[in-house]
Amino acid sequence: MGRTDELFFEMIETYQRHAQTARNAKYQETHEMAEILLNMDITAMWCLTQRTPDTRSRLI
């Protein structure tokens, strides 16, 4: 497994933690911040797949 794959899996784990935080948020501000982080996670994963043709073809 290459470094790109490792980064992608780390991003997925981070996304899952942020999603859990959003689901369990007691306060609206915490929920909103977690959703912002989720959007950033999704953007980072998308950028990684677009910059690496090998990863993009394996995900499709």
N, C-alpha and C. Protein backbone atom coordinates (compact mmCIF):
# COMPACT_ATOMS: atom_id res chain seq x y z
N MET A 1 0.86 -1.17 0.00
CA MET A 1 0.00 0.00 0.00
C MET A 1 0.90 1.23 0.00
N GLY A 2 0.61 2.17 -0.90
CA GLY A 2 1.40 3.38 -1.03
C GLY A 2 0.98 4.46 -0.04
N ARG A 3 1.76 5.51 -0.05
CA ARG A 3 1.48 6.63 0.86
C ARG A 3 0.13 7.27 0.55
N THR A 4 -0.25 7.32 -0.72
CA THR A 4 -1.54 7.90 -1.09
C THR A 4 -2.67 7.10 -0.45
N ASP A 5 -2.56 5.78 -0.50
CA ASP A 5 -3.58 4.93 0.12
C ASP A 5 -3.64 5.16 1.62
N GLU A 6 -2.47 5.27 2.25
CA GLU A 6 -2.43 5.51 3.69
C GLU A 6 -3.11 6.83 4.04
N LEU A 7 -2.82 7.87 3.26
CA LEU A 7 -3.46 9.17 3.50
C LEU A 7 -4.96 9.08 3.35
N PHE A 8 -5.40 8.37 2.32
CA PHE A 8 -6.83 8.25 2.08
C PHE A 8 -7.52 7.56 3.24
N PHE A 9 -6.93 6.47 3.73
CA PHE A 9 -7.53 5.76 4.86
C PHE A 9 -7.50 6.59 6.13
N GLU A 10 -6.46 7.38 6.33
CA GLU A 10 -6.41 8.29 7.48
C GLU A 10 -7.52 9.33 7.38
N MET A 11 -7.77 9.83 6.17
CA MET A 11 -8.84 10.81 5.97
C MET A 11 -10.20 10.18 6.25
N ILE A 12 -10.39 8.94 5.85
CA ILE A 12 -11.66 8.26 6.12
C ILE A 12 -11.87 8.11 7.62
N GLU A 13 -10.81 7.72 8.34
CA GLU A 13 -10.92 7.59 9.80
C GLU A 13 -11.26 8.93 10.44
N THR A 14 -10.62 9.99 9.97
CA THR A 14 -10.90 11.33 10.49
C THR A 14 -12.34 11.72 10.19
N TYR A 15 -12.79 11.44 8.98
CA TYR A 15 -14.17 11.73 8.60
C TYR A 15 -15.14 11.02 9.54
N GLN A 16 -14.85 9.75 9.82
CA GLN A 16 -15.73 8.98 10.70
C GLN A 16 -15.79 9.58 12.11
N ARG A 17 -14.65 10.04 12.61
CA ARG A 17 -14.63 10.68 13.94
C ARG A 17 -15.46 11.96 13.92
N HIS A 18 -15.31 12.76 12.88
CA HIS A 18 -16.07 14.01 12.79
C HIS A 18 -17.56 13.73 12.64
N ALA A 19 -17.92 12.69 11.89
CA ALA A 19 -19.32 12.32 11.73
C ALA A 19 -19.91 11.88 13.07
N GLN A 20 -19.14 11.13 13.84
CA GLN A 20 -19.60 10.70 15.16
C GLN A 20 -19.81 11.90 16.08
N THR A 21 -18.90 12.86 16.00
CA THR A 21 -19.02 14.08 16.80
C THR A 21 -20.29 14.83 16.42
N ALA A 22 -20.56 14.92 15.13
CA ALA A 22 -21.77 15.62 14.67
C ALA A 22 -23.03 14.92 15.17
N ARG A 23 -23.03 13.59 15.12
CA ARG A 23 -24.21 12.84 15.57
C ARG A 23 -24.43 12.99 17.08
N ASN A 24 -23.35 13.05 17.85
CA ASN A 24 -23.46 13.09 19.30
C ASN A 24 -23.43 14.49 19.90
N ALA A 25 -23.41 15.49 19.05
CA ALA A 25 -23.28 16.87 19.54
C ALA A 25 -24.46 17.25 20.42
N LYS A 26 -24.12 17.79 21.57
CA LYS A 26 -25.14 18.24 22.51
C LYS A 26 -25.60 19.65 22.17
N TYR A 27 -24.69 20.44 21.66
CA TYR A 27 -24.97 21.84 21.39
C TYR A 27 -24.95 22.11 19.90
N GLN A 28 -25.77 23.02 19.45
CA GLN A 28 -25.89 23.36 18.03
C GLN A 28 -24.55 23.82 17.45
N GLU A 29 -23.80 24.60 18.21
CA GLU A 29 -22.51 25.11 17.72
C GLU A 29 -21.53 23.97 17.46
N THR A 30 -21.54 22.97 18.33
CA THR A 30 -20.66 21.81 18.15
C THR A 30 -21.06 21.04 16.91
N HIS A 31 -22.36 20.87 16.72
CA HIS A 31 -22.87 20.17 15.54
C HIS A 31 -22.47 20.90 14.26
N GLU A 32 -22.63 22.21 14.25
CA GLU A 32 -22.29 23.00 13.07
C GLU A 32 -20.80 22.93 12.76
N MET A 33 -19.97 22.99 13.79
CA MET A 33 -18.52 22.91 13.58
C MET A 33 -18.14 21.54 13.02
N ALA A 34 -18.74 20.49 13.55
CA ALA A 34 -18.46 19.14 13.05
C ALA A 34 -18.89 19.01 11.59
N GLU A 35 -19.99 19.62 11.21
CA GLU A 35 -20.42 19.57 9.81
C GLU A 35 -19.45 20.32 8.90
N ILE A 36 -18.91 21.42 9.38
CA ILE A 36 -17.91 22.15 8.61
C ILE A 36 -16.68 21.27 8.40
N LEU A 37 -16.26 20.59 9.46
CA LEU A 37 -15.11 19.69 9.35
C LEU A 37 -15.40 18.54 8.40
N LEU A 38 -16.63 18.02 8.41
CA LEU A 38 -16.99 16.96 7.48
C LEU A 38 -16.86 17.43 6.04
N ASN A 39 -17.32 18.64 5.76
CA ASN A 39 -17.20 19.18 4.40
C ASN A 39 -15.74 19.33 4.00
N MET A 40 -14.89 19.74 4.94
CA MET A 40 -13.46 19.86 4.65
C MET A 40 -12.86 18.48 4.38
N ASP A 41 -13.28 17.48 5.15
CA ASP A 41 -12.80 16.11 4.95
C ASP A 41 -13.16 15.61 3.56
N ILE A 42 -14.40 15.84 3.16
CA ILE A 42 -14.87 15.39 1.85
C ILE A 42 -14.08 16.08 0.74
N THR A 43 -13.84 17.37 0.90
CA THR A 43 -13.07 18.12 -0.09
C THR A 43 -11.65 17.58 -0.19
N ALA A 44 -11.04 17.29 0.94
CA ALA A 44 -9.67 16.75 0.94
C ALA A 44 -9.61 15.39 0.26
N MET A 45 -10.59 14.53 0.53
CA MET A 45 -10.61 13.21 -0.11
C MET A 45 -10.83 13.35 -1.61
N TRP A 46 -11.70 14.25 -2.01
CA TRP A 46 -11.94 14.47 -3.44
C TRP A 46 -10.68 14.96 -4.12
N CYS A 47 -10.01 15.92 -3.51
CA CYS A 47 -8.77 16.46 -4.10
C CYS A 47 -7.71 15.37 -4.25
N LEU A 48 -7.59 14.53 -3.24
CA LEU A 48 -6.60 13.45 -3.30
C LEU A 48 -6.91 12.50 -4.45
N THR A 49 -8.17 12.16 -4.64
CA THR A 49 -8.51 11.23 -5.73
C THR A 49 -8.33 11.88 -7.09
N GLN A 50 -8.52 13.19 -7.20
CA GLN A 50 -8.36 13.86 -8.49
C GLN A 50 -6.90 14.01 -8.88
N ARG A 51 -6.02 14.11 -7.91
CA ARG A 51 -4.60 14.31 -8.19
C ARG A 51 -3.86 13.02 -8.43
N THR A 52 -4.47 11.90 -8.13
CA THR A 52 -3.81 10.61 -8.26
C THR A 52 -4.65 9.71 -9.16
N PRO A 53 -4.29 9.61 -10.43
CA PRO A 53 -5.10 8.82 -11.38
C PRO A 53 -5.28 7.37 -10.94
N ASP A 54 -4.24 6.77 -10.35
CA ASP A 54 -4.32 5.37 -9.93
C ASP A 54 -5.39 5.19 -8.86
N THR A 55 -5.45 6.10 -7.91
CA THR A 55 -6.45 6.02 -6.84
C THR A 55 -7.83 6.25 -7.42
N ARG A 56 -7.97 7.21 -8.31
CA ARG A 56 -9.27 7.51 -8.91
C ARG A 56 -9.83 6.29 -9.62
N SER A 57 -9.01 5.58 -10.38
CA SER A 57 -9.52 4.43 -11.14
C SER A 57 -9.91 3.28 -10.22
N ARG A 58 -9.26 3.15 -9.06
CA ARG A 58 -9.62 2.07 -8.14
C ARG A 58 -10.91 2.37 -7.40
N LEU A 59 -11.26 3.63 -7.25
CA LEU A 59 -12.47 3.99 -6.51
C LEU A 59 -13.72 3.92 -7.37
N ILE A 60 -13.56 4.01 -8.68
CA ILE A 60 -14.71 4.04 -9.59
C ILE A 60 -15.18 2.64 -9.89
